[in-house]
């Protein structure tokens, strides 16, 4: 009799959960990038930048409710987690960029 292999306990994520997570990441990244680049391009708040995040939250909320109604709670949770992760990641990138820009400006002004 062949020896049994130990199970690692790691299973592949179901397809619907993967799709929901990536959909949340995509919507969140698109909304954050739209808001950020419209702010940078025009030097301040614009209509597109101001409405991008609330509209994306409305899209995610609608998708979340639809997934819950279809009895897919894991997929709906991963949708919300993907969206949150994308928004937080872009916020961290923005903070790092602003910090580096501030340090660079201090070095540049200080060299005069």
Protein backbone atom coordinates (compact mmCIF):
# COMPACT_ATOMS: atom_id res chain seq x y z
CA UNK A 1 0.00 0.00 0.00
CA UNK A 2 1.50 3.39 -0.99
CA UNK A 3 2.14 5.91 1.80
CA UNK A 4 -0.44 8.67 2.17
CA UNK A 5 0.74 12.17 1.53
CA UNK A 6 0.11 14.75 4.19
CA UNK A 7 -2.48 17.36 3.35
CA UNK A 8 -1.35 20.93 3.55
CA UNK A 9 -4.83 22.25 4.23
CA UNK A 10 -4.56 24.82 1.45
CA UNK A 11 -7.31 24.64 -1.11
CA UNK A 12 -7.75 26.67 -4.24
CA UNK A 13 -10.24 29.48 -3.94
CA UNK A 14 -13.52 28.92 -5.76
CA UNK A 15 -13.94 30.70 -9.07
CA UNK A 16 -16.75 32.99 -7.92
CA UNK A 17 -14.68 34.16 -4.94
CA UNK A 18 -11.67 34.90 -7.14
CA UNK A 19 -13.78 36.82 -9.64
CA UNK A 20 -15.44 38.86 -6.91
CA UNK A 21 -12.10 39.71 -5.30
CA UNK A 22 -10.58 40.81 -8.58
CA UNK A 23 -13.71 42.78 -9.45
CA UNK A 24 -13.41 44.66 -6.16
CA UNK A 25 -9.73 45.31 -6.79
CA UNK A 26 -10.44 46.54 -10.30
CA UNK A 27 -13.27 48.88 -9.36
CA UNK A 28 -11.34 50.26 -6.38
CA UNK A 29 -8.14 50.80 -8.34
CA UNK A 30 -10.00 52.45 -11.22
CA UNK A 31 -11.88 54.79 -8.88
CA UNK A 32 -8.79 55.76 -6.90
CA UNK A 33 -6.70 56.26 -10.03
CA UNK A 34 -9.43 58.41 -11.60
CA UNK A 35 -9.68 60.57 -8.49
CA UNK A 36 -5.91 60.91 -8.11
CA UNK A 37 -5.03 61.63 -11.73
CA UNK A 38 -7.85 64.11 -12.21
CA UNK A 39 -6.65 65.93 -9.08
CA UNK A 40 -3.04 65.97 -10.30
CA UNK A 41 -3.90 66.89 -13.89
CA UNK A 42 -6.10 69.87 -13.06
CA UNK A 43 -4.36 70.96 -9.85
CA UNK A 44 -7.34 70.51 -7.58
CA UNK A 45 -10.68 68.80 -7.13
CA UNK A 46 -12.71 68.16 -10.26
CA UNK A 47 -16.16 66.74 -10.83
CA UNK A 48 -14.73 63.45 -12.08
CA UNK A 49 -12.37 63.17 -9.14
CA UNK A 50 -14.97 64.02 -6.55
CA UNK A 51 -17.61 61.65 -7.90
CA UNK A 52 -15.34 58.68 -8.73
CA UNK A 53 -15.12 57.22 -5.23
CA UNK A 54 -18.81 57.61 -4.26
CA UNK A 55 -19.94 56.16 -7.58
CA UNK A 56 -17.59 53.22 -7.19
CA UNK A 57 -18.94 52.63 -3.68
CA UNK A 58 -22.45 52.59 -5.14
CA UNK A 59 -21.36 50.00 -7.74
CA UNK A 60 -19.69 47.85 -5.08
CA UNK A 61 -22.71 48.15 -2.78
CA UNK A 62 -25.06 47.08 -5.56
CA UNK A 63 -22.87 44.11 -6.48
CA UNK A 64 -22.54 43.18 -2.81
CA UNK A 65 -26.32 43.11 -2.33
CA UNK A 66 -26.77 41.04 -5.50
CA UNK A 67 -24.20 38.50 -4.34
CA UNK A 68 -25.81 38.24 -0.90
CA UNK A 69 -29.23 37.72 -2.48
CA UNK A 70 -27.80 34.90 -4.57
CA UNK A 71 -26.55 33.24 -1.38
CA UNK A 72 -22.87 33.87 -2.14
CA UNK A 73 -21.64 35.39 1.12
CA UNK A 74 -17.97 34.47 0.61
CA UNK A 75 -17.91 36.11 -2.80
CA UNK A 76 -19.62 39.24 -1.48
CA UNK A 77 -17.09 39.50 1.34
CA UNK A 78 -14.18 39.15 -1.06
CA UNK A 79 -15.71 41.83 -3.28
CA UNK A 80 -15.69 44.27 -0.38
CA UNK A 81 -12.20 43.18 0.72
CA UNK A 82 -10.79 43.64 -2.79
CA UNK A 83 -12.28 47.13 -3.05
CA UNK A 84 -10.95 48.12 0.38
CA UNK A 85 -7.50 46.74 -0.42
CA UNK A 86 -7.32 48.72 -3.67
CA UNK A 87 -8.37 51.99 -2.02
CA UNK A 88 -5.91 51.50 0.86
CA UNK A 89 -3.07 50.57 -1.49
CA UNK A 90 -3.56 53.67 -3.62
CA UNK A 91 -3.80 55.81 -0.47
CA UNK A 92 -0.47 54.42 0.77
CA UNK A 93 1.11 55.07 -2.63
CA UNK A 94 -0.15 58.64 -2.53
CA UNK A 95 1.27 59.17 0.97
CA UNK A 96 4.65 57.77 -0.05
CA UNK A 97 4.71 59.92 -3.17
CA UNK A 98 3.87 63.06 -1.20
CA UNK A 99 6.56 62.26 1.39
CA UNK A 100 9.22 61.67 -1.25
CA UNK A 101 8.19 64.83 -3.07
CA UNK A 102 8.43 66.85 0.15
CA UNK A 103 11.88 65.44 0.95
CA UNK A 104 13.07 66.16 -2.58
CA UNK A 105 11.79 69.73 -2.43
CA UNK A 106 13.51 70.30 0.92
CA UNK A 107 16.78 68.98 -0.48
CA UNK A 108 16.44 71.06 -3.63
CA UNK A 109 15.57 74.29 -1.77
CA UNK A 110 18.23 73.62 0.84
CA UNK A 111 20.95 73.37 -1.77
CA UNK A 112 20.49 76.99 -2.83
